[in-house]
């Protein structure tokens, strides 16, 4: 299968948005999350994937392997494979972030 480069506008919405996933990508899955005040994304595990979160606006907490870490716009977080985590908006403004998830590979690291 051949994959093509593209640039696209982010949808103007305050709902969850899937941005990329197969078949547009080989394995990468990405989306934009809007967490309203006093909500969270729900405790879940990365399984056999690694994940990066890019915080675009707001403040909150990342709970990664039961460790609570304050997060805010301008930061990013890396979550290793097989790691339980949750993102919590404990502020009074929306917390908006983009997630990028990719399966791990036994092929070795990319150089």
N, C-alpha and C. Protein backbone atom coordinates (compact mmCIF):
# COMPACT_ATOMS: atom_id res chain seq x y z
N UNK A 1 0.84 -1.18 0.00
CA UNK A 1 0.00 0.00 0.00
C UNK A 1 0.89 1.24 0.00
N UNK A 2 0.50 2.24 -0.76
CA UNK A 2 1.23 3.50 -0.84
C UNK A 2 0.53 4.55 0.00
N UNK A 3 1.32 5.28 0.78
CA UNK A 3 0.78 6.36 1.61
C UNK A 3 1.22 7.69 1.04
N UNK A 4 0.34 8.67 1.12
CA UNK A 4 0.61 9.98 0.54
C UNK A 4 0.66 11.04 1.63
N UNK A 5 1.57 11.99 1.47
CA UNK A 5 1.65 13.14 2.38
C UNK A 5 0.46 14.05 2.12
N UNK A 6 0.03 14.75 3.17
CA UNK A 6 -1.01 15.75 3.01
C UNK A 6 -1.01 16.70 4.19
N UNK A 7 -1.61 17.84 3.99
CA UNK A 7 -1.82 18.84 5.05
C UNK A 7 -3.31 19.09 5.08
N UNK A 8 -3.84 19.21 6.28
CA UNK A 8 -5.28 19.36 6.41
C UNK A 8 -5.59 20.34 7.55
N UNK A 9 -6.65 21.10 7.42
CA UNK A 9 -7.11 21.99 8.49
C UNK A 9 -7.66 21.16 9.64
N UNK A 10 -7.42 21.60 10.87
CA UNK A 10 -8.06 20.95 12.01
C UNK A 10 -9.53 21.35 12.01
N UNK A 11 -10.43 20.40 12.21
CA UNK A 11 -11.85 20.74 12.25
C UNK A 11 -12.15 21.74 13.37
N UNK A 12 -13.08 22.63 13.12
CA UNK A 12 -13.47 23.62 14.12
C UNK A 12 -14.60 23.03 14.96
N UNK A 13 -14.23 22.36 16.03
CA UNK A 13 -15.22 21.69 16.87
C UNK A 13 -14.66 21.56 18.27
N UNK A 14 -15.53 21.42 19.24
CA UNK A 14 -15.09 21.19 20.61
C UNK A 14 -15.41 19.76 21.04
N UNK A 15 -15.57 18.87 20.08
CA UNK A 15 -15.80 17.45 20.35
C UNK A 15 -14.52 16.69 20.03
N UNK A 16 -14.44 15.45 20.50
CA UNK A 16 -13.31 14.58 20.16
C UNK A 16 -13.23 14.48 18.64
N UNK A 17 -11.99 14.49 18.13
CA UNK A 17 -11.80 14.40 16.70
C UNK A 17 -10.69 13.39 16.38
N UNK A 18 -11.02 12.39 15.61
CA UNK A 18 -10.00 11.49 15.09
C UNK A 18 -9.29 12.22 13.97
N UNK A 19 -7.98 12.29 14.02
CA UNK A 19 -7.22 13.01 13.00
C UNK A 19 -6.62 12.05 11.97
N UNK A 20 -5.95 11.03 12.45
CA UNK A 20 -5.31 10.07 11.55
C UNK A 20 -5.47 8.67 12.10
N UNK A 21 -5.64 7.71 11.20
CA UNK A 21 -5.62 6.30 11.57
C UNK A 21 -5.63 5.50 10.27
N UNK A 22 -5.28 4.22 10.36
CA UNK A 22 -5.35 3.40 9.15
C UNK A 22 -6.77 3.44 8.57
N UNK A 23 -6.93 3.45 7.29
CA UNK A 23 -5.97 3.15 6.24
C UNK A 23 -5.18 4.36 5.72
N UNK A 24 -5.39 5.57 6.28
CA UNK A 24 -4.60 6.72 5.83
C UNK A 24 -3.16 6.64 6.29
N UNK A 25 -2.90 5.86 7.35
CA UNK A 25 -1.55 5.67 7.87
C UNK A 25 -1.26 4.17 7.94
N UNK A 26 0.01 3.84 8.11
CA UNK A 26 0.36 2.43 8.26
C UNK A 26 -0.13 1.90 9.60
N UNK A 27 0.14 2.63 10.70
CA UNK A 27 -0.28 2.17 12.02
C UNK A 27 -0.54 3.32 13.00
N UNK A 28 -0.14 4.53 12.66
CA UNK A 28 -0.30 5.68 13.54
C UNK A 28 -1.77 6.03 13.73
N UNK A 29 -2.14 6.33 14.98
CA UNK A 29 -3.49 6.80 15.28
C UNK A 29 -3.33 8.09 16.07
N UNK A 30 -4.08 9.12 15.68
CA UNK A 30 -3.97 10.42 16.32
C UNK A 30 -5.35 11.06 16.40
N UNK A 31 -5.53 11.88 17.43
CA UNK A 31 -6.79 12.59 17.58
C UNK A 31 -6.62 13.80 18.47
N UNK A 32 -7.63 14.66 18.46
CA UNK A 32 -7.64 15.83 19.33
C UNK A 32 -8.74 15.64 20.35
N UNK A 33 -8.38 15.85 21.63
CA UNK A 33 -9.30 15.63 22.74
C UNK A 33 -9.61 16.95 23.41
N UNK A 34 -10.89 17.17 23.70
CA UNK A 34 -11.36 18.33 24.44
C UNK A 34 -11.94 17.82 25.75
N UNK A 35 -11.28 18.13 26.86
CA UNK A 35 -11.81 17.74 28.16
C UNK A 35 -12.39 18.97 28.84
N UNK A 36 -13.67 18.93 29.12
CA UNK A 36 -14.30 20.02 29.85
C UNK A 36 -13.88 19.98 31.30
N UNK A 37 -14.05 21.08 32.03
CA UNK A 37 -13.70 21.10 33.45
C UNK A 37 -14.35 19.94 34.20
N UNK A 38 -13.60 19.40 35.16
CA UNK A 38 -14.06 18.30 36.02
C UNK A 38 -14.39 17.02 35.26
N UNK A 39 -13.68 16.76 34.16
CA UNK A 39 -13.84 15.50 33.42
C UNK A 39 -12.47 14.87 33.21
N UNK A 40 -12.48 13.61 32.76
CA UNK A 40 -11.22 12.92 32.45
C UNK A 40 -11.46 12.03 31.23
N UNK A 41 -10.36 11.51 30.68
CA UNK A 41 -10.49 10.66 29.49
C UNK A 41 -10.75 9.21 29.87
N UNK A 42 -10.54 8.85 31.13
CA UNK A 42 -10.77 7.48 31.58
C UNK A 42 -9.47 6.69 31.66
N UNK A 43 -9.30 5.98 32.74
CA UNK A 43 -8.10 5.17 32.95
C UNK A 43 -8.04 4.07 31.88
N UNK A 44 -6.90 3.97 31.20
CA UNK A 44 -6.70 2.95 30.19
C UNK A 44 -5.20 2.67 30.04
N UNK A 45 -4.87 1.62 29.32
CA UNK A 45 -3.48 1.22 29.12
C UNK A 45 -3.08 1.43 27.67
N UNK A 46 -1.82 1.71 27.47
CA UNK A 46 -1.30 1.83 26.11
C UNK A 46 -1.20 0.48 25.42
N UNK A 47 -1.23 -0.61 26.20
CA UNK A 47 -1.07 -1.94 25.58
C UNK A 47 0.27 -2.01 24.88
N UNK A 48 0.29 -2.60 23.69
CA UNK A 48 1.55 -2.73 22.96
C UNK A 48 1.83 -1.52 22.07
N UNK A 49 1.44 -0.35 22.55
CA UNK A 49 1.65 0.89 21.81
C UNK A 49 2.37 1.90 22.70
N UNK A 50 3.01 2.87 22.09
CA UNK A 50 3.54 4.01 22.83
C UNK A 50 2.71 5.22 22.43
N UNK A 51 2.67 6.22 23.32
CA UNK A 51 1.77 7.35 23.09
C UNK A 51 2.46 8.65 23.46
N UNK A 52 2.18 9.68 22.67
CA UNK A 52 2.63 11.03 22.98
C UNK A 52 1.39 11.92 23.05
N UNK A 53 1.34 12.77 24.07
CA UNK A 53 0.27 13.74 24.22
C UNK A 53 0.87 15.13 24.10
N UNK A 54 0.26 15.99 23.30
CA UNK A 54 0.72 17.36 23.11
C UNK A 54 -0.38 18.28 23.62
N UNK A 55 -0.11 19.01 24.70
CA UNK A 55 -1.12 19.85 25.34
C UNK A 55 -1.16 21.21 24.66
N UNK A 56 -2.33 21.55 24.11
CA UNK A 56 -2.51 22.77 23.32
C UNK A 56 -3.03 23.93 24.14
N UNK A 57 -3.96 23.66 25.08
CA UNK A 57 -4.49 24.73 25.92
C UNK A 57 -5.05 24.13 27.20
N UNK A 58 -5.11 24.97 28.23
CA UNK A 58 -5.66 24.55 29.51
C UNK A 58 -4.61 23.95 30.42
N UNK A 59 -5.10 23.45 31.56
CA UNK A 59 -4.26 22.82 32.58
C UNK A 59 -4.98 21.60 33.11
N UNK A 60 -4.21 20.67 33.67
CA UNK A 60 -4.82 19.49 34.26
C UNK A 60 -3.76 18.59 34.87
N UNK A 61 -4.07 17.31 34.92
CA UNK A 61 -3.15 16.33 35.49
C UNK A 61 -3.07 15.11 34.58
N UNK A 62 -1.86 14.60 34.45
CA UNK A 62 -1.65 13.30 33.81
C UNK A 62 -1.36 12.33 34.95
N UNK A 63 -2.13 11.27 35.01
CA UNK A 63 -1.88 10.22 35.99
C UNK A 63 -1.29 9.06 35.20
N UNK A 64 0.01 8.85 35.38
CA UNK A 64 0.75 7.85 34.61
C UNK A 64 1.37 6.87 35.59
N UNK A 65 0.97 5.61 35.49
CA UNK A 65 1.45 4.58 36.43
C UNK A 65 1.25 5.03 37.88
N UNK A 66 0.08 5.59 38.16
CA UNK A 66 -0.34 6.04 39.49
C UNK A 66 0.42 7.26 40.00
N UNK A 67 1.27 7.87 39.16
CA UNK A 67 1.98 9.09 39.52
C UNK A 67 1.22 10.28 38.94
N UNK A 68 0.94 11.29 39.76
CA UNK A 68 0.19 12.46 39.32
C UNK A 68 1.18 13.56 38.90
N UNK A 69 1.01 14.03 37.66
CA UNK A 69 1.90 15.04 37.09
C UNK A 69 1.05 16.19 36.56
N UNK A 70 1.35 17.41 36.97
CA UNK A 70 0.64 18.58 36.44
C UNK A 70 1.04 18.79 34.99
N UNK A 71 0.05 19.11 34.14
CA UNK A 71 0.31 19.38 32.72
C UNK A 71 -0.40 20.66 32.32
N UNK A 72 0.12 21.29 31.27
CA UNK A 72 -0.49 22.52 30.76
C UNK A 72 -0.06 22.76 29.32
N UNK A 73 -0.70 23.73 28.70
CA UNK A 73 -0.40 24.09 27.32
C UNK A 73 1.10 24.32 27.16
N UNK A 74 1.64 23.85 26.03
CA UNK A 74 3.05 24.02 25.74
C UNK A 74 3.91 22.86 26.20
N UNK A 75 3.30 21.84 26.81
CA UNK A 75 4.04 20.66 27.25
C UNK A 75 3.62 19.45 26.43
N UNK A 76 4.45 18.41 26.49
CA UNK A 76 4.04 17.13 25.93
C UNK A 76 4.44 16.03 26.91
N UNK A 77 3.76 14.91 26.80
CA UNK A 77 4.04 13.76 27.66
C UNK A 77 4.25 12.53 26.79
N UNK A 78 5.18 11.68 27.23
CA UNK A 78 5.41 10.40 26.58
C UNK A 78 4.92 9.31 27.53
N UNK A 79 4.18 8.35 26.99
CA UNK A 79 3.66 7.24 27.79
C UNK A 79 4.14 5.94 27.14
N UNK A 80 4.98 5.18 27.85
CA UNK A 80 5.53 3.94 27.29
C UNK A 80 4.48 2.86 27.10
N UNK A 81 4.83 1.83 26.35
CA UNK A 81 3.92 0.68 26.19
C UNK A 81 3.56 0.06 27.54
N UNK A 82 2.37 -0.53 27.58
CA UNK A 82 1.86 -1.26 28.75
C UNK A 82 1.79 -0.39 30.01
N UNK A 83 1.40 0.86 29.85
CA UNK A 83 1.34 1.81 30.96
C UNK A 83 -0.08 2.32 31.14
N UNK A 84 -0.64 2.15 32.34
CA UNK A 84 -1.96 2.72 32.64
C UNK A 84 -1.83 4.22 32.83
N UNK A 85 -2.83 4.94 32.31
CA UNK A 85 -2.80 6.39 32.44
C UNK A 85 -4.21 6.97 32.29
N UNK A 86 -4.33 8.21 32.74
CA UNK A 86 -5.58 8.97 32.63
C UNK A 86 -5.20 10.44 32.56
N UNK A 87 -5.97 11.22 31.85
CA UNK A 87 -5.79 12.66 31.80
C UNK A 87 -7.01 13.29 32.44
N UNK A 88 -6.78 14.18 33.40
CA UNK A 88 -7.85 14.76 34.21
C UNK A 88 -7.82 16.28 34.05
N UNK A 89 -8.99 16.85 33.77
CA UNK A 89 -9.10 18.30 33.77
C UNK A 89 -9.70 18.71 35.11
N UNK A 90 -8.86 19.18 36.01
CA UNK A 90 -9.32 19.64 37.31
C UNK A 90 -9.31 21.16 37.39
N UNK A 91 -9.38 21.82 36.24
CA UNK A 91 -9.38 23.28 36.19
C UNK A 91 -10.78 23.78 35.80
N UNK A 92 -10.89 25.08 35.60
CA UNK A 92 -12.19 25.66 35.23
C UNK A 92 -12.24 26.08 33.76
N UNK A 93 -11.29 25.59 32.96
CA UNK A 93 -11.29 25.86 31.52
C UNK A 93 -11.02 24.55 30.77
N UNK A 94 -11.39 24.47 29.50
CA UNK A 94 -11.15 23.24 28.74
C UNK A 94 -9.66 22.89 28.68
N UNK A 95 -9.36 21.60 28.70
CA UNK A 95 -8.01 21.08 28.49
C UNK A 95 -8.04 20.41 27.13
N UNK A 96 -7.20 20.90 26.22
CA UNK A 96 -7.21 20.40 24.85
C UNK A 96 -5.83 19.83 24.53
N UNK A 97 -5.82 18.61 23.99
CA UNK A 97 -4.55 17.99 23.63
C UNK A 97 -4.71 17.08 22.42
N UNK A 98 -3.59 16.81 21.79
CA UNK A 98 -3.53 15.87 20.67
C UNK A 98 -2.78 14.64 21.15
N UNK A 99 -3.31 13.47 20.83
CA UNK A 99 -2.60 12.22 21.14
C UNK A 99 -2.12 11.59 19.84
N UNK A 100 -0.96 10.95 19.92
CA UNK A 100 -0.39 10.19 18.82
C UNK A 100 0.01 8.83 19.38
N UNK A 101 -0.56 7.77 18.83
CA UNK A 101 -0.33 6.41 19.30
C UNK A 101 0.24 5.59 18.15
N UNK A 102 1.30 4.83 18.47
CA UNK A 102 1.90 3.97 17.45
C UNK A 102 2.28 2.64 18.09
N UNK A 103 2.09 1.54 17.36
CA UNK A 103 2.48 0.23 17.90
C UNK A 103 4.00 0.12 18.03
N UNK A 104 4.43 -0.63 19.03
CA UNK A 104 5.86 -0.87 19.16
C UNK A 104 6.28 -1.90 18.14
N UNK A 105 7.56 -1.91 17.84
CA UNK A 105 8.08 -2.80 16.81
C UNK A 105 9.31 -3.52 17.32
N UNK A 106 9.50 -4.72 16.88
CA UNK A 106 10.71 -5.47 17.19
C UNK A 106 11.80 -5.20 16.13
N UNK A 107 11.53 -4.24 15.26
CA UNK A 107 12.46 -3.95 14.16
C UNK A 107 13.64 -3.09 14.62
N UNK A 108 13.62 -2.62 15.86
CA UNK A 108 14.68 -1.73 16.34
C UNK A 108 14.26 -0.29 16.21
N UNK A 109 15.09 0.60 16.71
CA UNK A 109 14.74 2.01 16.72
C UNK A 109 14.95 2.65 15.37
N UNK A 110 14.23 3.75 15.14
CA UNK A 110 14.38 4.53 13.91
C UNK A 110 15.57 5.46 14.08
N UNK A 111 16.38 5.55 13.09
CA UNK A 111 17.57 6.42 13.19
C UNK A 111 17.43 7.59 12.27
